[in-house]
Amino acid sequence: INPATRAKAGYRRRLLIIDRHSSYINMEFIRAYNRLKILLLILPPYSTYRLYPLNISYFLLLAICYITKINKIMEKSGDIITITKRMFWDAFKPV
């Protein structure tokens, strides 16, 4: 998350939402993210199903816009079979 969001965030804090089910969350992990100015919202285990309505409303719209962009890229390029990381970000950023 840090390399992908640092430039845009500047000196502002960012938010990372994770569930506590993950075994890698410990004090060292929390301190490291705090030094990077990344706030952690650690959800209780098995509670992310409550966020499912976000998938339906916000993330569905994001997915539709992204797929539309990718389809346009593929139409323009003709024989593209794979999407590179650069192509992904070029399509995803404007969405």
C-alpha atoms as a PDB file:
ATOM      1  CA  ILE A   1       0.000   0.000   0.000  1.00  0.00           C
ATOM      2  CA  ASN A   2       2.792   2.459   0.773  1.00  0.00           C
ATOM      3  CA  PRO A   3       4.425   2.685  -2.690  1.00  0.00           C
ATOM      4  CA  ALA A   4       1.047   2.741  -4.422  1.00  0.00           C
ATOM      5  CA  THR A   5      -0.448   5.563  -2.332  1.00  0.00           C
ATOM      6  CA  ARG A   6       2.462   7.609  -0.952  1.00  0.00           C
ATOM      7  CA  ALA A   7       2.836  10.006  -3.889  1.00  0.00           C
ATOM      8  CA  LYS A   8      -0.833  10.926  -4.001  1.00  0.00           C
ATOM      9  CA  ALA A   9      -1.248  11.192  -0.214  1.00  0.00           C
ATOM     10  CA  GLY A  10       1.816  13.364   0.352  1.00  0.00           C
ATOM     11  CA  TYR A  11       2.060  14.010   4.091  1.00  0.00           C
ATOM     12  CA  ARG A  12      -1.539  13.063   4.812  1.00  0.00           C
ATOM     13  CA  ARG A  13      -2.440   9.831   6.533  1.00  0.00           C
ATOM     14  CA  ARG A  14      -3.976   6.927   4.633  1.00  0.00           C
ATOM     15  CA  LEU A  15      -6.339   4.209   5.810  1.00  0.00           C
ATOM     16  CA  LEU A  16      -5.863   0.465   5.411  1.00  0.00           C
ATOM     17  CA  ILE A  17      -8.798  -1.762   6.352  1.00  0.00           C
ATOM     18  CA  ILE A  18      -7.891  -5.333   7.254  1.00  0.00           C
ATOM     19  CA  ASP A  19      -9.542  -8.119   9.169  1.00  0.00           C
ATOM     20  CA  ARG A  20      -8.064  -9.511  12.365  1.00  0.00           C
ATOM     21  CA  HIS A  21      -8.282 -13.028  10.985  1.00  0.00           C
ATOM     22  CA  SER A  22      -4.837 -12.435   9.482  1.00  0.00           C
ATOM     23  CA  SER A  23      -2.044 -13.958  11.544  1.00  0.00           C
ATOM     24  CA  TYR A  24       0.582 -11.408  10.466  1.00  0.00           C
ATOM     25  CA  ILE A  25      -0.887  -8.577  12.539  1.00  0.00           C
ATOM     26  CA  ASN A  26       1.347  -7.896  15.534  1.00  0.00           C
ATOM     27  CA  MET A  27       2.833  -4.863  17.282  1.00  0.00           C
ATOM     28  CA  GLU A  28       5.779  -4.691  14.876  1.00  0.00           C
ATOM     29  CA  PHE A  29       3.335  -4.619  11.939  1.00  0.00           C
ATOM     30  CA  ILE A  30       1.249  -1.891  13.624  1.00  0.00           C
ATOM     31  CA  ARG A  31       4.300   0.250  14.472  1.00  0.00           C
ATOM     32  CA  ALA A  32       5.669  -0.055  10.931  1.00  0.00           C
ATOM     33  CA  TYR A  33       2.424   1.183   9.407  1.00  0.00           C
ATOM     34  CA  ASN A  34       2.188   3.955  11.987  1.00  0.00           C
ATOM     35  CA  ARG A  35       5.664   5.193  10.955  1.00  0.00           C
ATOM     36  CA  LEU A  36       4.452   5.229   7.346  1.00  0.00           C
ATOM     37  CA  LYS A  37       1.436   7.369   8.371  1.00  0.00           C
ATOM     38  CA  ILE A  38      -0.969   4.578   7.483  1.00  0.00           C
ATOM     39  CA  LEU A  39      -3.894   4.184   9.858  1.00  0.00           C
ATOM     40  CA  LEU A  40      -5.062   0.638  10.411  1.00  0.00           C
ATOM     41  CA  LEU A  41      -8.688  -0.262  10.854  1.00  0.00           C
ATOM     42  CA  ILE A  42      -8.531  -3.811  12.136  1.00  0.00           C
ATOM     43  CA  LEU A  43     -11.905  -5.497  11.903  1.00  0.00           C
ATOM     44  CA  PRO A  44     -12.862  -8.429  14.117  1.00  0.00           C
ATOM     45  CA  PRO A  45     -12.413 -11.874  12.560  1.00  0.00           C
ATOM     46  CA  TYR A  46     -15.185 -13.031  10.253  1.00  0.00           C
ATOM     47  CA  SER A  47     -16.948  -9.663  10.313  1.00  0.00           C
ATOM     48  CA  THR A  48     -16.160  -8.533   6.783  1.00  0.00           C
ATOM     49  CA  TYR A  49     -19.388 -10.072   5.520  1.00  0.00           C
ATOM     50  CA  ARG A  50     -21.067  -6.994   6.991  1.00  0.00           C
ATOM     51  CA  LEU A  51     -19.237  -4.905   4.399  1.00  0.00           C
ATOM     52  CA  TYR A  52     -20.761  -6.887   1.542  1.00  0.00           C
ATOM     53  CA  PRO A  53     -23.244  -4.104   0.652  1.00  0.00           C
ATOM     54  CA  LEU A  54     -20.212  -1.983  -0.332  1.00  0.00           C
ATOM     55  CA  ASN A  55     -19.281  -4.635  -2.887  1.00  0.00           C
ATOM     56  CA  ILE A  56     -22.691  -4.356  -4.451  1.00  0.00           C
ATOM     57  CA  SER A  57     -22.908  -0.560  -4.553  1.00  0.00           C
ATOM     58  CA  TYR A  58     -19.491   1.106  -4.752  1.00  0.00           C
ATOM     59  CA  PHE A  59     -17.213  -1.644  -5.982  1.00  0.00           C
ATOM     60  CA  LEU A  60     -19.666  -2.800  -8.648  1.00  0.00           C
ATOM     61  CA  LEU A  61     -19.595   0.664 -10.214  1.00  0.00           C
ATOM     62  CA  LEU A  62     -15.793   0.656 -10.022  1.00  0.00           C
ATOM     63  CA  ALA A  63     -15.646  -2.761 -11.698  1.00  0.00           C
ATOM     64  CA  ILE A  64     -17.981  -1.679 -14.508  1.00  0.00           C
ATOM     65  CA  CYS A  65     -15.915   1.446 -15.228  1.00  0.00           C
ATOM     66  CA  TYR A  66     -12.667  -0.532 -15.135  1.00  0.00           C
ATOM     67  CA  ILE A  67     -13.973  -3.246 -17.466  1.00  0.00           C
ATOM     68  CA  THR A  68     -15.179  -0.574 -19.889  1.00  0.00           C
ATOM     69  CA  LYS A  69     -11.697   1.005 -19.942  1.00  0.00           C
ATOM     70  CA  ILE A  70      -9.973  -2.362 -20.443  1.00  0.00           C
ATOM     71  CA  ASN A  71     -12.356  -3.264 -23.278  1.00  0.00           C
ATOM     72  CA  LYS A  72     -11.521   0.018 -25.031  1.00  0.00           C
ATOM     73  CA  ILE A  73      -7.787  -0.669 -24.658  1.00  0.00           C
ATOM     74  CA  MET A  74      -8.227  -4.160 -26.082  1.00  0.00           C
ATOM     75  CA  GLU A  75     -10.329  -2.890 -28.999  1.00  0.00           C
ATOM     76  CA  LYS A  76      -7.659  -0.324 -29.912  1.00  0.00           C
ATOM     77  CA  SER A  77      -4.757  -2.766 -29.665  1.00  0.00           C
ATOM     78  CA  GLY A  78      -6.299  -5.629 -31.603  1.00  0.00           C
ATOM     79  CA  ASP A  79      -4.447  -8.757 -30.556  1.00  0.00           C
ATOM     80  CA  ILE A  80      -3.713  -7.999 -26.891  1.00  0.00           C
ATOM     81  CA  ILE A  81      -4.127 -11.105 -24.782  1.00  0.00           C
ATOM     82  CA  THR A  82      -2.700  -9.965 -21.446  1.00  0.00           C
ATOM     83  CA  ILE A  83      -2.929  -6.759 -19.472  1.00  0.00           C
ATOM     84  CA  THR A  84       0.403  -5.579 -18.077  1.00  0.00           C
ATOM     85  CA  LYS A  85       0.756  -3.876 -14.714  1.00  0.00           C
ATOM     86  CA  ARG A  86       1.301  -0.545 -16.460  1.00  0.00           C
ATOM     87  CA  MET A  87      -1.824  -1.016 -18.577  1.00  0.00           C
ATOM     88  CA  PHE A  88      -3.774  -1.920 -15.450  1.00  0.00           C
ATOM     89  CA  TRP A  89      -2.764   1.295 -13.667  1.00  0.00           C
ATOM     90  CA  ASP A  90      -3.331   3.416 -16.772  1.00  0.00           C
ATOM     91  CA  ALA A  91      -6.881   2.068 -16.926  1.00  0.00           C
ATOM     92  CA  PHE A  92      -7.538   2.019 -13.182  1.00  0.00           C
ATOM     93  CA  LYS A  93      -6.290   5.498 -12.183  1.00  0.00           C
ATOM     94  CA  PRO A  94      -8.931   7.498 -14.076  1.00  0.00           C
ATOM     95  CA  VAL A  95     -11.705   5.229 -12.832  1.00  0.00           C
END
